[in-house]
Amino acid sequence: MQLLYRFAVGGLIVSLFAVIGDVLKPKSFAGLFSAAPSVALATLSLTILADGKRYAALEARSMVAGAVAFLIYACSCARMMSKNRMPALAAAISGFAVWMACALGAWLLILR
């Protein structure tokens, strides 16, 4: 039953964010608004139902820390590709170390 609920809530939220992404300009935002936020919201709603609000708050805080680490990763990859003329694969692999350092740092300093 939980899996069915996950599919239903995830599908509805994905559709909602897809509509929001379709309205916004440029169209490259559509993918941004259809995937990650909807999965996160569906997961959080299931976590609230299964484990309570306190545990869901901890999970949400972890998601925010991961999102910040990913933002730093994306910015570092973009900088490496634009300023250093690094190929995308090399920038992505190098940026992984940046993401790992940020994610582990956030976990050690804030989430632990």
PDB file of N, CA and C in Angstrom:
ATOM      1  N   MET A   1       0.818  -1.189   0.000  1.00  0.00           N
ATOM      2  CA  MET A   1       0.000   0.000   0.000  1.00  0.00           C
ATOM      3  C   MET A   1       0.872   1.269   0.000  1.00  0.00           C
ATOM      4  N   GLN A   2       1.989   1.200   0.724  1.00  0.00           N
ATOM      5  CA  GLN A   2       2.877   2.364   0.788  1.00  0.00           C
ATOM      6  C   GLN A   2       3.476   2.656  -0.588  1.00  0.00           C
ATOM      7  N   LEU A   3       3.791   1.611  -1.338  1.00  0.00           N
ATOM      8  CA  LEU A   3       4.350   1.797  -2.674  1.00  0.00           C
ATOM      9  C   LEU A   3       3.319   2.447  -3.598  1.00  0.00           C
ATOM     10  N   LEU A   4       2.070   2.036  -3.505  1.00  0.00           N
ATOM     11  CA  LEU A   4       1.005   2.640  -4.295  1.00  0.00           C
ATOM     12  C   LEU A   4       0.833   4.117  -3.943  1.00  0.00           C
ATOM     13  N   TYR A   5       0.869   4.407  -2.662  1.00  0.00           N
ATOM     14  CA  TYR A   5       0.770   5.799  -2.212  1.00  0.00           C
ATOM     15  C   TYR A   5       1.938   6.617  -2.749  1.00  0.00           C
ATOM     16  N   ARG A   6       3.122   6.062  -2.714  1.00  0.00           N
ATOM     17  CA  ARG A   6       4.311   6.761  -3.211  1.00  0.00           C
ATOM     18  C   ARG A   6       4.172   7.101  -4.691  1.00  0.00           C
ATOM     19  N   PHE A   7       3.682   6.124  -5.469  1.00  0.00           N
ATOM     20  CA  PHE A   7       3.487   6.378  -6.894  1.00  0.00           C
ATOM     21  C   PHE A   7       2.436   7.450  -7.130  1.00  0.00           C
ATOM     22  N   ALA A   8       1.341   7.392  -6.403  1.00  0.00           N
ATOM     23  CA  ALA A   8       0.259   8.359  -6.594  1.00  0.00           C
ATOM     24  C   ALA A   8       0.705   9.769  -6.206  1.00  0.00           C
ATOM     25  N   VAL A   9       1.261   9.905  -5.023  1.00  0.00           N
ATOM     26  CA  VAL A   9       1.698  11.230  -4.570  1.00  0.00           C
ATOM     27  C   VAL A   9       2.835  11.745  -5.447  1.00  0.00           C
ATOM     28  N   GLY A  10       3.783  10.898  -5.747  1.00  0.00           N
ATOM     29  CA  GLY A  10       4.894  11.306  -6.611  1.00  0.00           C
ATOM     30  C   GLY A  10       4.416  11.740  -7.985  1.00  0.00           C
ATOM     31  N   GLY A  11       3.478  10.993  -8.557  1.00  0.00           N
ATOM     32  CA  GLY A  11       2.946  11.346  -9.870  1.00  0.00           C
ATOM     33  C   GLY A  11       2.212  12.676  -9.866  1.00  0.00           C
ATOM     34  N   LEU A  12       1.407  12.894  -8.835  1.00  0.00           N
ATOM     35  CA  LEU A  12       0.683  14.162  -8.740  1.00  0.00           C
ATOM     36  C   LEU A  12       1.635  15.339  -8.565  1.00  0.00           C
ATOM     37  N   ILE A  13       2.609  15.174  -7.720  1.00  0.00           N
ATOM     38  CA  ILE A  13       3.544  16.271  -7.464  1.00  0.00           C
ATOM     39  C   ILE A  13       4.439  16.509  -8.676  1.00  0.00           C
ATOM     40  N   VAL A  14       4.860  15.430  -9.361  1.00  0.00           N
ATOM     41  CA  VAL A  14       5.648  15.594 -10.586  1.00  0.00           C
ATOM     42  C   VAL A  14       4.841  16.379 -11.616  1.00  0.00           C
ATOM     43  N   SER A  15       3.561  16.047 -11.732  1.00  0.00           N
ATOM     44  CA  SER A  15       2.709  16.766 -12.684  1.00  0.00           C
ATOM     45  C   SER A  15       2.585  18.236 -12.320  1.00  0.00           C
ATOM     46  N   LEU A  16       2.408  18.522 -11.054  1.00  0.00           N
ATOM     47  CA  LEU A  16       2.303  19.903 -10.601  1.00  0.00           C
ATOM     48  C   LEU A  16       3.575  20.687 -10.911  1.00  0.00           C
ATOM     49  N   PHE A  17       4.729  20.109 -10.587  1.00  0.00           N
ATOM     50  CA  PHE A  17       5.980  20.806 -10.859  1.00  0.00           C
ATOM     51  C   PHE A  17       6.256  20.911 -12.356  1.00  0.00           C
ATOM     52  N   ALA A  18       5.789  19.939 -13.146  1.00  0.00           N
ATOM     53  CA  ALA A  18       5.947  20.028 -14.603  1.00  0.00           C
ATOM     54  C   ALA A  18       5.137  21.196 -15.157  1.00  0.00           C
ATOM     55  N   VAL A  19       3.947  21.402 -14.621  1.00  0.00           N
ATOM     56  CA  VAL A  19       3.131  22.537 -15.048  1.00  0.00           C
ATOM     57  C   VAL A  19       3.826  23.845 -14.674  1.00  0.00           C
ATOM     58  N   ILE A  20       4.369  23.915 -13.467  1.00  0.00           N
ATOM     59  CA  ILE A  20       5.098  25.115 -13.046  1.00  0.00           C
ATOM     60  C   ILE A  20       6.300  25.351 -13.955  1.00  0.00           C
ATOM     61  N   GLY A  21       7.023  24.277 -14.257  1.00  0.00           N
ATOM     62  CA  GLY A  21       8.179  24.397 -15.143  1.00  0.00           C
ATOM     63  C   GLY A  21       7.803  24.795 -16.551  1.00  0.00           C
ATOM     64  N   ASP A  22       6.625  24.377 -17.005  1.00  0.00           N
ATOM     65  CA  ASP A  22       6.176  24.723 -18.342  1.00  0.00           C
ATOM     66  C   ASP A  22       5.811  26.203 -18.447  1.00  0.00           C
ATOM     67  N   VAL A  23       5.330  26.764 -17.350  1.00  0.00           N
ATOM     68  CA  VAL A  23       4.939  28.172 -17.337  1.00  0.00           C
ATOM     69  C   VAL A  23       6.166  29.081 -17.306  1.00  0.00           C
ATOM     70  N   LEU A  24       7.228  28.654 -16.621  1.00  0.00           N
ATOM     71  CA  LEU A  24       8.420  29.486 -16.465  1.00  0.00           C
ATOM     72  C   LEU A  24       9.246  29.547 -17.747  1.00  0.00           C
ATOM     73  N   LYS A  25      10.007  30.592 -17.858  1.00  0.00           N
ATOM     74  CA  LYS A  25      10.938  30.761 -18.970  1.00  0.00           C
ATOM     75  C   LYS A  25      12.342  30.809 -18.399  1.00  0.00           C
ATOM     76  N   PRO A  26      13.358  30.276 -18.965  1.00  0.00           N
ATOM     77  CA  PRO A  26      13.420  29.442 -20.145  1.00  0.00           C
ATOM     78  C   PRO A  26      12.913  28.033 -19.872  1.00  0.00           C
ATOM     79  N   LYS A  27      12.703  27.296 -20.922  1.00  0.00           N
ATOM     80  CA  LYS A  27      12.136  25.952 -20.808  1.00  0.00           C
ATOM     81  C   LYS A  27      13.093  24.963 -20.153  1.00  0.00           C
ATOM     82  N   SER A  28      14.353  25.315 -20.010  1.00  0.00           N
ATOM     83  CA  SER A  28      15.314  24.416 -19.366  1.00  0.00           C
ATOM     84  C   SER A  28      14.997  24.221 -17.884  1.00  0.00           C
ATOM     85  N   PHE A  29      14.154  25.093 -17.307  1.00  0.00           N
ATOM     86  CA  PHE A  29      13.747  24.932 -15.917  1.00  0.00           C
ATOM     87  C   PHE A  29      12.743  23.801 -15.721  1.00  0.00           C
ATOM     88  N   ALA A  30      12.121  23.345 -16.796  1.00  0.00           N
ATOM     89  CA  ALA A  30      11.057  22.345 -16.679  1.00  0.00           C
ATOM     90  C   ALA A  30      11.570  21.067 -16.010  1.00  0.00           C
ATOM     91  N   GLY A  31      12.730  20.613 -16.400  1.00  0.00           N
ATOM     92  CA  GLY A  31      13.289  19.401 -15.795  1.00  0.00           C
ATOM     93  C   GLY A  31      13.628  19.598 -14.330  1.00  0.00           C
ATOM     94  N   LEU A  32      14.104  20.791 -14.018  1.00  0.00           N
ATOM     95  CA  LEU A  32      14.427  21.117 -12.633  1.00  0.00           C
ATOM     96  C   LEU A  32      13.207  21.026 -11.726  1.00  0.00           C
ATOM     97  N   PHE A  33      12.077  21.492 -12.230  1.00  0.00           N
ATOM     98  CA  PHE A  33      10.872  21.550 -11.419  1.00  0.00           C
ATOM     99  C   PHE A  33      10.038  20.279 -11.480  1.00  0.00           C
ATOM    100  N   SER A  34      10.500  19.259 -12.193  1.00  0.00           N
ATOM    101  CA  SER A  34       9.678  18.059 -12.279  1.00  0.00           C
ATOM    102  C   SER A  34      10.260  16.864 -11.552  1.00  0.00           C
ATOM    103  N   ALA A  35      11.528  16.835 -11.289  1.00  0.00           N
ATOM    104  CA  ALA A  35      12.117  15.619 -10.739  1.00  0.00           C
ATOM    105  C   ALA A  35      12.376  15.688  -9.238  1.00  0.00           C
ATOM    106  N   ALA A  36      13.443  16.331  -8.853  1.00  0.00           N
ATOM    107  CA  ALA A  36      13.899  16.276  -7.464  1.00  0.00           C
ATOM    108  C   ALA A  36      12.900  16.801  -6.436  1.00  0.00           C
ATOM    109  N   PRO A  37      12.285  17.945  -6.639  1.00  0.00           N
ATOM    110  CA  PRO A  37      11.361  18.424  -5.598  1.00  0.00           C
ATOM    111  C   PRO A  37      10.191  17.489  -5.364  1.00  0.00           C
ATOM    112  N   SER A  38       9.678  16.903  -6.429  1.00  0.00           N
ATOM    113  CA  SER A  38       8.517  16.026  -6.263  1.00  0.00           C
ATOM    114  C   SER A  38       8.894  14.734  -5.549  1.00  0.00           C
ATOM    115  N   VAL A  39      10.046  14.187  -5.859  1.00  0.00           N
ATOM    116  CA  VAL A  39      10.490  12.977  -5.171  1.00  0.00           C
ATOM    117  C   VAL A  39      10.750  13.275  -3.700  1.00  0.00           C
ATOM    118  N   ALA A  40      11.360  14.416  -3.422  1.00  0.00           N
ATOM    119  CA  ALA A  40      11.628  14.792  -2.035  1.00  0.00           C
ATOM    120  C   ALA A  40      10.336  14.978  -1.254  1.00  0.00           C
ATOM    121  N   LEU A  41       9.351  15.639  -1.849  1.00  0.00           N
ATOM    122  CA  LEU A  41       8.080  15.848  -1.156  1.00  0.00           C
ATOM    123  C   LEU A  41       7.336  14.540  -0.918  1.00  0.00           C
ATOM    124  N   ALA A  42       7.346  13.654  -1.887  1.00  0.00           N
ATOM    125  CA  ALA A  42       6.700  12.352  -1.703  1.00  0.00           C
ATOM    126  C   ALA A  42       7.394  11.557  -0.610  1.00  0.00           C
ATOM    127  N   THR A  43       8.716  11.583  -0.606  1.00  0.00           N
ATOM    128  CA  THR A  43       9.471  10.871   0.420  1.00  0.00           C
ATOM    129  C   THR A  43       9.205  11.454   1.802  1.00  0.00           C
ATOM    130  N   LEU A  44       9.166  12.764   1.900  1.00  0.00           N
ATOM    131  CA  LEU A  44       8.898  13.392   3.194  1.00  0.00           C
ATOM    132  C   LEU A  44       7.488  13.092   3.694  1.00  0.00           C
ATOM    133  N   SER A  45       6.518  13.088   2.791  1.00  0.00           N
ATOM    134  CA  SER A  45       5.157  12.782   3.233  1.00  0.00           C
ATOM    135  C   SER A  45       5.048  11.347   3.722  1.00  0.00           C
ATOM    136  N   LEU A  46       5.714  10.435   3.061  1.00  0.00           N
ATOM    137  CA  LEU A  46       5.724   9.043   3.533  1.00  0.00           C
ATOM    138  C   LEU A  46       6.461   8.908   4.858  1.00  0.00           C
ATOM    139  N   THR A  47       7.530   9.649   5.009  1.00  0.00           N
ATOM    140  CA  THR A  47       8.295   9.599   6.253  1.00  0.00           C
ATOM    141  C   THR A  47       7.473  10.139   7.412  1.00  0.00           C
ATOM    142  N   ILE A  48       6.714  11.204   7.179  1.00  0.00           N
ATOM    143  CA  ILE A  48       5.852  11.739   8.232  1.00  0.00           C
ATOM    144  C   ILE A  48       4.832  10.695   8.654  1.00  0.00           C
ATOM    145  N   LEU A  49       4.227  10.031   7.677  1.00  0.00           N
ATOM    146  CA  LEU A  49       3.219   9.018   7.994  1.00  0.00           C
ATOM    147  C   LEU A  49       3.822   7.808   8.708  1.00  0.00           C
ATOM    148  N   ALA A  50       4.999   7.407   8.299  1.00  0.00           N
ATOM    149  CA  ALA A  50       5.603   6.190   8.852  1.00  0.00           C
ATOM    150  C   ALA A  50       6.359   6.429  10.154  1.00  0.00           C
ATOM    151  N   ASP A  51       7.115   7.529  10.233  1.00  0.00           N
ATOM    152  CA  ASP A  51       8.036   7.714  11.354  1.00  0.00           C
ATOM    153  C   ASP A  51       7.796   8.974  12.178  1.00  0.00           C
ATOM    154  N   GLY A  52       6.900   9.830  11.762  1.00  0.00           N
ATOM    155  CA  GLY A  52       6.601  11.028  12.534  1.00  0.00           C
ATOM    156  C   GLY A  52       7.306  12.261  12.025  1.00  0.00           C
ATOM    157  N   LYS A  53       6.866  13.385  12.570  1.00  0.00           N
ATOM    158  CA  LYS A  53       7.355  14.690  12.114  1.00  0.00           C
ATOM    159  C   LYS A  53       8.800  14.965  12.499  1.00  0.00           C
ATOM    160  N   ARG A  54       9.225  14.491  13.664  1.00  0.00           N
ATOM    161  CA  ARG A  54      10.605  14.768  14.103  1.00  0.00           C
ATOM    162  C   ARG A  54      11.614  14.108  13.178  1.00  0.00           C
ATOM    163  N   TYR A  55      11.359  12.862  12.822  1.00  0.00           N
ATOM    164  CA  TYR A  55      12.271  12.161  11.920  1.00  0.00           C
ATOM    165  C   TYR A  55      12.229  12.780  10.524  1.00  0.00           C
ATOM    166  N   ALA A  56      11.041  13.185  10.069  1.00  0.00           N
ATOM    167  CA  ALA A  56      10.920  13.829   8.757  1.00  0.00           C
ATOM    168  C   ALA A  56      11.675  15.155   8.734  1.00  0.00           C
ATOM    169  N   ALA A  57      11.658  15.875   9.856  1.00  0.00           N
ATOM    170  CA  ALA A  57      12.413  17.132   9.931  1.00  0.00           C
ATOM    171  C   ALA A  57      13.905  16.872   9.785  1.00  0.00           C
ATOM    172  N   LEU A  58      14.387  15.813  10.386  1.00  0.00           N
ATOM    173  CA  LEU A  58      15.800  15.441  10.249  1.00  0.00           C
ATOM    174  C   LEU A  58      16.122  15.086   8.802  1.00  0.00           C
ATOM    175  N   GLU A  59      15.225  14.341   8.172  1.00  0.00           N
ATOM    176  CA  GLU A  59      15.425  13.984   6.766  1.00  0.00           C
ATOM    177  C   GLU A  59      15.407  15.227   5.870  1.00  0.00           C
ATOM    178  N   ALA A  60      14.501  16.150   6.146  1.00  0.00           N
ATOM    179  CA  ALA A  60      14.425  17.381   5.351  1.00  0.00           C
ATOM    180  C   ALA A  60      15.690  18.207   5.503  1.00  0.00           C
ATOM    181  N   ARG A  61      16.199  18.264   6.710  1.00  0.00           N
ATOM    182  CA  ARG A  61      17.446  18.998   6.953  1.00  0.00           C
ATOM    183  C   ARG A  61      18.595  18.363   6.171  1.00  0.00           C
ATOM    184  N   SER A  62      18.612  17.041   6.114  1.00  0.00           N
ATOM    185  CA  SER A  62      19.636  16.337   5.343  1.00  0.00           C
ATOM    186  C   SER A  62      19.495  16.618   3.850  1.00  0.00           C
ATOM    187  N   MET A  63      18.240  16.698   3.380  1.00  0.00           N
ATOM    188  CA  MET A  63      18.013  17.013   1.965  1.00  0.00           C
ATOM    189  C   MET A  63      18.513  18.411   1.627  1.00  0.00           C
ATOM    190  N   VAL A  64      18.303  19.353   2.518  1.00  0.00           N
ATOM    191  CA  VAL A  64      18.765  20.719   2.287  1.00  0.00           C
ATOM    192  C   VAL A  64      20.298  20.750   2.237  1.00  0.00           C
ATOM    193  N   ALA A  65      20.943  20.043   3.145  1.00  0.00           N
ATOM    194  CA  ALA A  65      22.408  19.995   3.137  1.00  0.00           C
ATOM    195  C   ALA A  65      22.924  19.370   1.843  1.00  0.00           C
ATOM    196  N   GLY A  66      22.269  18.314   1.389  1.00  0.00           N
ATOM    197  CA  GLY A  66      22.654  17.689   0.122  1.00  0.00           C
ATOM    198  C   GLY A  66      22.445  18.620  -1.061  1.00  0.00           C
ATOM    199  N   ALA A  67      21.367  19.390  -1.032  1.00  0.00           N
ATOM    200  CA  ALA A  67      21.092  20.337  -2.109  1.00  0.00           C
ATOM    201  C   ALA A  67      22.139  21.452  -2.152  1.00  0.00           C
ATOM    202  N   VAL A  68      22.548  21.924  -0.991  1.00  0.00           N
ATOM    203  CA  VAL A  68      23.585  22.961  -0.940  1.00  0.00           C
ATOM    204  C   VAL A  68      24.906  22.400  -1.467  1.00  0.00           C
ATOM    205  N   ALA A  69      25.237  21.175  -1.073  1.00  0.00           N
ATOM    206  CA  ALA A  69      26.464  20.543  -1.572  1.00  0.00           C
ATOM    207  C   ALA A  69      26.399  20.372  -3.083  1.00  0.00           C
ATOM    208  N   PHE A  70      25.217  20.014  -3.601  1.00  0.00           N
ATOM    209  CA  PHE A  70      25.070  19.864  -5.049  1.00  0.00           C
ATOM    210  C   PHE A  70      25.188  21.208  -5.758  1.00  0.00           C
ATOM    211  N   LEU A  71      24.650  22.259  -5.168  1.00  0.00           N
ATOM    212  CA  LEU A  71      24.768  23.589  -5.765  1.00  0.00           C
ATOM    213  C   LEU A  71      26.235  23.991  -5.876  1.00  0.00           C
ATOM    214  N   ILE A  72      26.997  23.745  -4.830  1.00  0.00           N
ATOM    215  CA  ILE A  72      28.431  24.060  -4.856  1.00  0.00           C
ATOM    216  C   ILE A  72      29.138  23.208  -5.909  1.00  0.00           C
ATOM    217  N   TYR A  73      28.753  21.941  -6.012  1.00  0.00           N
ATOM    218  CA  TYR A  73      29.301  21.047  -7.043  1.00  0.00           C
ATOM    219  C   TYR A  73      29.012  21.593  -8.435  1.00  0.00           C
ATOM    220  N   ALA A  74      27.750  21.975  -8.685  1.00  0.00           N
ATOM    221  CA  ALA A  74      27.366  22.469 -10.007  1.00  0.00           C
ATOM    222  C   ALA A  74      28.102  23.762 -10.353  1.00  0.00           C
ATOM    223  N   CYS A  75      28.235  24.646  -9.378  1.00  0.00           N
ATOM    224  CA  CYS A  75      28.955  25.908  -9.617  1.00  0.00           C
ATOM    225  C   CYS A  75      30.432  25.656  -9.884  1.00  0.00           C
ATOM    226  N   SER A  76      31.017  24.712  -9.157  1.00  0.00           N
ATOM    227  CA  SER A  76      32.441  24.425  -9.380  1.00  0.00           C
ATOM    228  C   SER A  76      32.659  23.779 -10.743  1.00  0.00           C
ATOM    229  N   CYS A  77      31.742  22.892 -11.161  1.00  0.00           N
ATOM    230  CA  CYS A  77      31.864  22.289 -12.491  1.00  0.00           C
ATOM    231  C   CYS A  77      31.724  23.341 -13.582  1.00  0.00           C
ATOM    232  N   ALA A  78      30.759  24.236 -13.420  1.00  0.00           N
ATOM    233  CA  ALA A  78      30.567  25.286 -14.419  1.00  0.00           C
ATOM    234  C   ALA A  78      31.797  26.186 -14.501  1.00  0.00           C
ATOM    235  N   ARG A  79      32.367  26.506 -13.353  1.00  0.00           N
ATOM    236  CA  ARG A  79      33.564  27.351 -13.345  1.00  0.00           C
ATOM    237  C   ARG A  79      34.747  26.644 -14.002  1.00  0.00           C
ATOM    238  N   MET A  80      34.926  25.351 -13.684  1.00  0.00           N
ATOM    239  CA  MET A  80      36.038  24.610 -14.289  1.00  0.00           C
ATOM    240  C   MET A  80      35.888  24.528 -15.802  1.00  0.00           C
ATOM    241  N   MET A  81      34.659  24.374 -16.275  1.00  0.00           N
ATOM    242  CA  MET A  81      34.462  24.263 -17.719  1.00  0.00           C
ATOM    243  C   MET A  81      34.575  25.611 -18.418  1.00  0.00           C
ATOM    244  N   SER A  82      34.122  26.680 -17.764  1.00  0.00           N
ATOM    245  CA  SER A  82      34.162  27.976 -18.450  1.00  0.00           C
ATOM    246  C   SER A  82      35.511  28.674 -18.307  1.00  0.00           C
ATOM    247  N   LYS A  83      36.064  28.708 -17.129  1.00  0.00           N
ATOM    248  CA  LYS A  83      37.318  29.439 -16.905  1.00  0.00           C
ATOM    249  C   LYS A  83      38.547  28.629 -17.325  1.00  0.00           C
ATOM    250  N   ASN A  84      38.533  27.325 -17.005  1.00  0.00           N
ATOM    251  CA  ASN A  84      39.715  26.496 -17.275  1.00  0.00           C
ATOM    252  C   ASN A  84      39.612  25.696 -18.564  1.00  0.00           C
ATOM    253  N   ARG A  85      38.500  25.834 -19.275  1.00  0.00           N
ATOM    254  CA  ARG A  85      38.264  25.103 -20.522  1.00  0.00           C
ATOM    255  C   ARG A  85      38.432  23.589 -20.321  1.00  0.00           C
ATOM    256  N   MET A  86      38.002  23.096 -19.181  1.00  0.00           N
ATOM    257  CA  MET A  86      38.100  21.682 -18.855  1.00  0.00           C
ATOM    258  C   MET A  86      36.945  20.929 -19.530  1.00  0.00           C
ATOM    259  N   PRO A  87      37.185  19.734 -20.062  1.00  0.00           N
ATOM    260  CA  PRO A  87      36.086  18.947 -20.629  1.00  0.00           C
ATOM    261  C   PRO A  87      35.052  18.595 -19.543  1.00  0.00           C
ATOM    262  N   ALA A  88      33.816  18.377 -19.963  1.00  0.00           N
ATOM    263  CA  ALA A  88      32.720  18.135 -19.014  1.00  0.00           C
ATOM    264  C   ALA A  88      32.970  16.914 -18.136  1.00  0.00           C
ATOM    265  N   LEU A  89      33.476  15.835 -18.711  1.00  0.00           N
ATOM    266  CA  LEU A  89      33.716  14.624 -17.923  1.00  0.00           C
ATOM    267  C   LEU A  89      34.777  14.875 -16.859  1.00  0.00           C
ATOM    268  N   ALA A  90      35.841  15.540 -17.212  1.00  0.00           N
ATOM    269  CA  ALA A  90      36.903  15.834 -16.245  1.00  0.00           C
ATOM    270  C   ALA A  90      36.395  16.777 -15.147  1.00  0.00           C
ATOM    271  N   ALA A  91      35.583  17.743 -15.529  1.00  0.00           N
ATOM    272  CA  ALA A  91      35.032  18.671 -14.539  1.00  0.00           C
ATOM    273  C   ALA A  91      34.069  17.951 -13.602  1.00  0.00           C
ATOM    274  N   ALA A  92      33.261  17.046 -14.145  1.00  0.00           N
ATOM    275  CA  ALA A  92      32.316  16.300 -13.312  1.00  0.00           C
ATOM    276  C   ALA A  92      33.046  15.386 -12.333  1.00  0.00           C
ATOM    277  N   ILE A  93      34.090  14.734 -12.791  1.00  0.00           N
ATOM    278  CA  ILE A  93      34.863  13.849 -11.907  1.00  0.00           C
ATOM    279  C   ILE A  93      35.607  14.668 -10.857  1.00  0.00           C
ATOM    280  N   SER A  94      36.194  15.776 -11.252  1.00  0.00           N
ATOM    281  CA  SER A  94      36.877  16.641 -10.292  1.00  0.00           C
ATOM    282  C   SER A  94      35.887  17.263  -9.321  1.00  0.00           C
ATOM    283  N   GLY A  95      34.741  17.655  -9.823  1.00  0.00           N
ATOM    284  CA  GLY A  95      33.722  18.252  -8.981  1.00  0.00           C
ATOM    285  C   GLY A  95      33.161  17.290  -7.956  1.00  0.00           C
ATOM    286  N   PHE A  96      33.240  16.002  -8.240  1.00  0.00           N
ATOM    287  CA  PHE A  96      32.757  15.008  -7.281  1.00  0.00           C
ATOM    288  C   PHE A  96      33.499  15.122  -5.960  1.00  0.00           C
ATOM    289  N   ALA A  97      34.789  15.392  -6.021  1.00  0.00           N
ATOM    290  CA  ALA A  97      35.559  15.579  -4.784  1.00  0.00           C
ATOM    291  C   ALA A  97      35.059  16.812  -4.025  1.00  0.00           C
ATOM    292  N   VAL A  98      34.680  17.856  -4.749  1.00  0.00           N
ATOM    293  CA  VAL A  98      34.134  19.059  -4.117  1.00  0.00           C
ATOM    294  C   VAL A  98      32.806  18.719  -3.444  1.00  0.00           C
ATOM    295  N   TRP A  99      31.945  17.996  -4.156  1.00  0.00           N
ATOM    296  CA  TRP A  99      30.647  17.612  -3.593  1.00  0.00           C
ATOM    297  C   TRP A  99      30.834  16.756  -2.345  1.00  0.00           C
ATOM    298  N   MET A 100      31.727  15.784  -2.419  1.00  0.00           N
ATOM    299  CA  MET A 100      31.954  14.889  -1.280  1.00  0.00           C
ATOM    300  C   MET A 100      32.467  15.672  -0.080  1.00  0.00           C
ATOM    301  N   ALA A 101      33.376  16.590  -0.307  1.00  0.00           N
ATOM    302  CA  ALA A 101      33.893  17.403   0.802  1.00  0.00           C
ATOM    303  C   ALA A 101      32.785  18.250   1.420  1.00  0.00           C
ATOM    304  N   CYS A 102      31.944  18.839   0.594  1.00  0.00           N
ATOM    305  CA  CYS A 102      30.836  19.665   1.111  1.00  0.00           C
ATOM    306  C   CYS A 102      29.808  18.820   1.852  1.00  0.00           C
ATOM    307  N   ALA A 103      29.438  17.693   1.283  1.00  0.00           N
ATOM    308  CA  ALA A 103      28.432  16.836   1.907  1.00  0.00           C
ATOM    309  C   ALA A 103      28.946  16.266   3.227  1.00  0.00           C
ATOM    310  N   LEU A 104      30.169  15.775   3.241  1.00  0.00           N
ATOM    311  CA  LEU A 104      30.736  15.243   4.492  1.00  0.00           C
ATOM    312  C   LEU A 104      30.948  16.349   5.515  1.00  0.00           C
ATOM    313  N   GLY A 105      31.375  17.518   5.050  1.00  0.00           N
ATOM    314  CA  GLY A 105      31.540  18.652   5.961  1.00  0.00           C
ATOM    315  C   GLY A 105      30.222  19.066   6.592  1.00  0.00           C
ATOM    316  N   ALA A 106      29.168  19.119   5.795  1.00  0.00           N
ATOM    317  CA  ALA A 106      27.848  19.460   6.341  1.00  0.00           C
ATOM    318  C   ALA A 106      27.387  18.413   7.330  1.00  0.00           C
ATOM    319  N   TRP A 107      27.635  17.157   7.013  1.00  0.00           N
ATOM    320  CA  TRP A 107      27.233  16.091   7.926  1.00  0.00           C
ATOM    321  C   TRP A 107      27.994  16.182   9.245  1.00  0.00           C
ATOM    322  N   LEU A 108      29.289  16.401   9.162  1.00  0.00           N
ATOM    323  CA  LEU A 108      30.098  16.466  10.376  1.00  0.00           C
ATOM    324  C   LEU A 108      29.786  17.698  11.224  1.00  0.00           C
ATOM    325  N   LEU A 109      29.573  18.840  10.580  1.00  0.00           N
ATOM    326  CA  LEU A 109      29.383  20.080  11.318  1.00  0.00           C
ATOM    327  C   LEU A 109      27.932  20.333  11.736  1.00  0.00           C
ATOM    328  N   ILE A 110      26.972  19.907  10.937  1.00  0.00           N
ATOM    329  CA  ILE A 110      25.586  20.293  11.194  1.00  0.00           C
ATOM    330  C   ILE A 110      24.687  19.109  11.506  1.00  0.00           C
ATOM    331  N   LEU A 111      24.787  18.064  10.738  1.00  0.00           N
ATOM    332  CA  LEU A 111      23.792  16.996  10.809  1.00  0.00           C
ATOM    333  C   LEU A 111      24.079  15.918  11.843  1.00  0.00           C
ATOM    334  N   ARG A 112      25.276  15.765  12.224  1.00  0.00           N
ATOM    335  CA  ARG A 112      25.663  14.694  13.143  1.00  0.00           C
ATOM    336  C   ARG A 112      25.222  14.897  14.507  1.00  0.00           C
TER     337      ARG A 112
END
